[in-house]
Amino acid sequence: MKSKLFLLLVFAFSLLSCDNSIDCKIETTEGTILVALYPDKAPITVANFLRYVDEGLYTNSSFFRVTTPENEAKREVKIEVIQGGIQGNDKSFPPIKIETTQETGILHEDGTLSMARSGPNTATNNFFICINAQPALDFAGKRNPDGFGFAAFGKVTKGMDIVRKIQSGENRNQQLLKPVIIKSIKRVN
């Protein structure tokens, strides 16, 4: 009887501790980055990202932009990220509604995945990964004058060493001189 109760408790605990994240593997020419996406918290943003993943549109795309303390020195609000995605608009789906950090509760911490955008409701396929905490990118943060911040939707679970290696690449005006190829992004669960 005790063993049945124990097994029941273990099973119940495992259900409670399970998250509903979706894991993806980003294969780059610098190495592999594993990420967890949070569809329960950011359903629109995760569905958008996965649409590009499932269509294979990130295959042979790149990480092309890096922000560093050096190349952000003249900006009032400094950030550290690497940005990737599909350059050009020929492979973009329509823009999505922004899910702010105020709505989702996913803050821009070390390793957070978030969508790049030019204005509210303009994100398509470009995304970035934070290096260190970046509260200026959250809702009401000072990086973007509109105050909406950016739509965070996941987190790096393994491979921050690769993210930092990409960030250290030689750049001019934040553009990597040799973009890091994203060989593919695929679901792993």
Protein backbone atom coordinates (compact mmCIF):
# COMPACT_ATOMS: atom_id res chain seq x y z
CA MET A 1 0.00 0.00 0.00
CA LYS A 2 2.83 2.40 0.90
CA SER A 3 4.60 1.72 -2.40
CA LYS A 4 1.41 2.44 -4.37
CA LEU A 5 0.95 5.71 -2.50
CA PHE A 6 4.60 6.58 -3.09
CA LEU A 7 4.29 5.89 -6.83
CA LEU A 8 1.12 7.92 -6.99
CA LEU A 9 2.85 10.85 -5.27
CA VAL A 10 5.87 10.59 -7.58
CA PHE A 11 3.57 10.56 -10.62
CA ALA A 12 1.57 13.55 -9.33
CA PHE A 13 4.75 15.49 -8.59
CA SER A 14 6.14 14.75 -12.05
CA LEU A 15 2.96 16.13 -13.62
CA LEU A 16 3.17 19.28 -11.53
CA SER A 17 6.82 19.83 -12.32
CA CYS A 18 6.37 19.36 -16.07
CA ASP A 19 6.30 22.54 -18.05
CA ASN A 20 4.68 22.81 -21.42
CA SER A 21 7.76 24.17 -23.11
CA ILE A 22 8.71 23.21 -26.64
CA ASP A 23 12.39 22.47 -27.14
CA CYS A 24 14.26 23.42 -30.29
CA LYS A 25 17.82 22.95 -31.47
CA ILE A 26 19.60 25.79 -33.29
CA GLU A 27 22.49 24.33 -35.29
CA THR A 28 25.05 26.98 -36.26
CA THR A 29 28.50 26.97 -37.80
CA GLU A 30 29.81 27.86 -34.31
CA GLY A 31 27.96 25.08 -32.47
CA THR A 32 24.56 24.06 -31.10
CA ILE A 33 22.19 26.15 -29.00
CA LEU A 34 19.25 24.46 -27.27
CA VAL A 35 16.21 26.57 -26.43
CA ALA A 36 12.89 26.12 -24.63
CA LEU A 37 9.87 28.03 -25.96
CA TYR A 38 6.92 28.96 -23.72
CA PRO A 39 3.63 28.59 -25.65
CA ASP A 40 1.52 28.87 -22.49
CA LYS A 41 2.92 32.32 -21.74
CA ALA A 42 3.53 33.69 -25.27
CA PRO A 43 1.27 31.68 -27.62
CA ILE A 44 1.24 34.13 -30.55
CA THR A 45 5.00 34.64 -30.56
CA VAL A 46 5.83 30.94 -30.14
CA ALA A 47 3.38 29.95 -32.91
CA ASN A 48 4.97 32.53 -35.21
CA PHE A 49 8.52 31.31 -34.50
CA LEU A 50 7.50 27.67 -34.96
CA ARG A 51 5.85 28.48 -38.29
CA TYR A 52 9.26 29.54 -39.60
CA VAL A 53 10.91 26.52 -37.95
CA ASP A 54 8.38 24.01 -39.34
CA GLU A 55 8.57 25.50 -42.85
CA GLY A 56 12.38 25.20 -42.73
CA LEU A 57 12.77 28.91 -43.41
CA TYR A 58 15.57 29.40 -40.88
CA THR A 59 17.71 26.86 -42.75
CA ASN A 60 20.84 28.68 -43.98
CA SER A 61 19.78 31.95 -42.38
CA SER A 62 22.22 33.64 -39.99
CA PHE A 63 23.09 35.49 -36.84
CA PHE A 64 24.14 38.78 -38.43
CA ARG A 65 24.00 41.46 -35.71
CA VAL A 66 25.67 41.75 -32.31
CA THR A 67 25.50 44.44 -29.66
CA THR A 68 28.41 44.73 -27.27
CA PRO A 69 29.58 47.23 -24.64
CA GLU A 70 32.04 48.57 -27.24
CA ASN A 71 29.63 49.09 -30.14
CA GLU A 72 26.90 50.40 -27.81
CA ALA A 73 29.22 52.88 -26.04
CA LYS A 74 27.61 55.97 -27.59
CA ARG A 75 24.01 54.86 -26.99
CA GLU A 76 22.19 56.19 -23.96
CA VAL A 77 20.53 52.80 -23.26
CA LYS A 78 22.97 49.95 -23.89
CA ILE A 79 22.07 46.32 -24.53
CA GLU A 80 23.86 43.05 -25.28
CA VAL A 81 22.23 40.65 -27.75
CA ILE A 82 22.88 38.58 -30.83
CA GLN A 83 20.27 38.91 -33.59
CA GLY A 84 19.42 36.35 -36.22
CA GLY A 85 16.82 35.43 -38.75
CA ILE A 86 16.07 35.77 -42.41
CA GLN A 87 17.47 38.85 -44.10
CA GLY A 88 15.11 40.45 -46.60
CA ASN A 89 11.33 40.23 -46.59
CA ASP A 90 10.88 37.62 -49.32
CA LYS A 91 10.42 34.80 -46.77
CA SER A 92 8.34 36.56 -44.11
CA PHE A 93 4.84 35.83 -42.94
CA PRO A 94 2.65 38.77 -41.89
CA PRO A 95 3.73 40.60 -38.71
CA ILE A 96 2.31 39.48 -35.38
CA LYS A 97 0.73 41.28 -32.41
CA ILE A 98 3.30 42.03 -29.72
CA GLU A 99 2.97 40.04 -26.51
CA THR A 100 4.67 42.33 -24.02
CA THR A 101 6.63 41.18 -21.00
CA GLN A 102 3.88 42.75 -18.90
CA GLU A 103 1.43 40.22 -20.44
CA THR A 104 3.70 37.16 -20.48
CA GLY A 105 5.89 37.62 -17.42
CA ILE A 106 8.92 36.47 -19.43
CA LEU A 107 11.65 39.01 -18.73
CA HIS A 108 14.75 39.72 -20.77
CA GLU A 109 17.30 37.84 -18.69
CA ASP A 110 20.53 36.10 -19.67
CA GLY A 111 19.64 33.68 -22.47
CA THR A 112 16.11 34.98 -23.17
CA LEU A 113 14.84 34.65 -26.76
CA SER A 114 12.81 37.58 -28.03
CA MET A 115 11.48 38.97 -31.29
CA ALA A 116 13.19 41.86 -33.09
CA ARG A 117 10.86 44.57 -34.33
CA SER A 118 10.80 48.12 -35.66
CA GLY A 119 7.54 49.13 -33.97
CA PRO A 120 4.62 47.56 -32.10
CA ASN A 121 3.06 44.66 -34.02
CA THR A 122 5.84 44.49 -36.65
CA ALA A 123 7.79 41.34 -35.65
CA THR A 124 8.14 38.68 -38.36
CA ASN A 125 11.14 36.31 -38.39
CA ASN A 126 14.11 38.10 -36.81
CA PHE A 127 14.83 37.19 -33.21
CA PHE A 128 17.53 37.84 -30.67
CA ILE A 129 19.13 36.21 -27.65
CA CYS A 130 20.04 38.30 -24.61
CA ILE A 131 23.47 38.25 -23.05
CA ASN A 132 23.09 39.14 -19.35
CA ALA A 133 19.91 40.74 -17.97
CA GLN A 134 18.43 43.36 -20.30
CA PRO A 135 15.58 45.08 -18.40
CA ALA A 136 15.66 47.97 -20.89
CA LEU A 137 14.00 45.55 -23.36
CA ASP A 138 11.06 44.75 -21.06
CA PHE A 139 7.70 46.56 -21.12
CA ALA A 140 8.26 50.21 -20.09
CA GLY A 141 11.99 49.71 -20.64
CA LYS A 142 13.96 52.65 -21.97
CA ARG A 143 15.49 51.05 -25.09
CA ASN A 144 12.43 51.62 -27.27
CA PRO A 145 10.67 54.99 -27.07
CA ASP A 146 7.20 53.46 -27.56
CA GLY A 147 7.53 51.70 -24.18
CA PHE A 148 6.16 48.34 -25.36
CA GLY A 149 9.51 46.61 -25.10
CA PHE A 150 10.02 43.36 -26.99
CA ALA A 151 8.18 40.02 -27.06
CA ALA A 152 10.20 37.46 -25.09
CA PHE A 153 9.13 33.87 -25.74
CA GLY A 154 11.82 31.41 -24.67
CA LYS A 155 15.21 30.79 -23.11
CA VAL A 156 18.52 29.14 -23.96
CA THR A 157 18.84 25.92 -21.97
CA LYS A 158 22.27 24.93 -23.29
CA GLY A 159 24.81 26.72 -25.42
CA MET A 160 25.25 30.18 -23.90
CA ASP A 161 28.97 29.68 -24.56
CA ILE A 162 28.09 29.58 -28.28
CA VAL A 163 25.92 32.71 -27.92
CA ARG A 164 28.82 34.56 -26.27
CA LYS A 165 31.23 33.30 -28.96
CA ILE A 166 28.91 34.69 -31.66
CA GLN A 167 28.69 38.01 -29.79
CA SER A 168 32.50 38.26 -29.78
CA GLY A 169 32.71 38.07 -33.58
CA GLU A 170 34.31 40.95 -35.44
CA ASN A 171 31.69 43.52 -36.39
CA ARG A 172 31.29 46.92 -37.96
CA ASN A 173 28.33 49.05 -36.90
CA GLN A 174 26.92 45.98 -35.09
CA GLN A 175 26.86 43.87 -38.27
CA LEU A 176 29.04 40.75 -38.12
CA LEU A 177 31.72 40.88 -40.83
CA LYS A 178 31.27 37.13 -41.16
CA PRO A 179 27.67 36.23 -40.23
CA VAL A 180 27.27 32.95 -38.35
CA ILE A 181 25.19 30.56 -40.44
CA ILE A 182 22.13 29.03 -38.84
CA LYS A 183 22.25 25.61 -40.50
CA SER A 184 18.79 24.78 -39.15
CA ILE A 185 16.34 25.21 -36.32
CA LYS A 186 14.31 22.11 -35.49
CA ARG A 187 11.95 20.93 -32.79
CA VAL A 188 13.41 18.25 -30.55
CA ASN A 189 10.22 17.18 -28.74
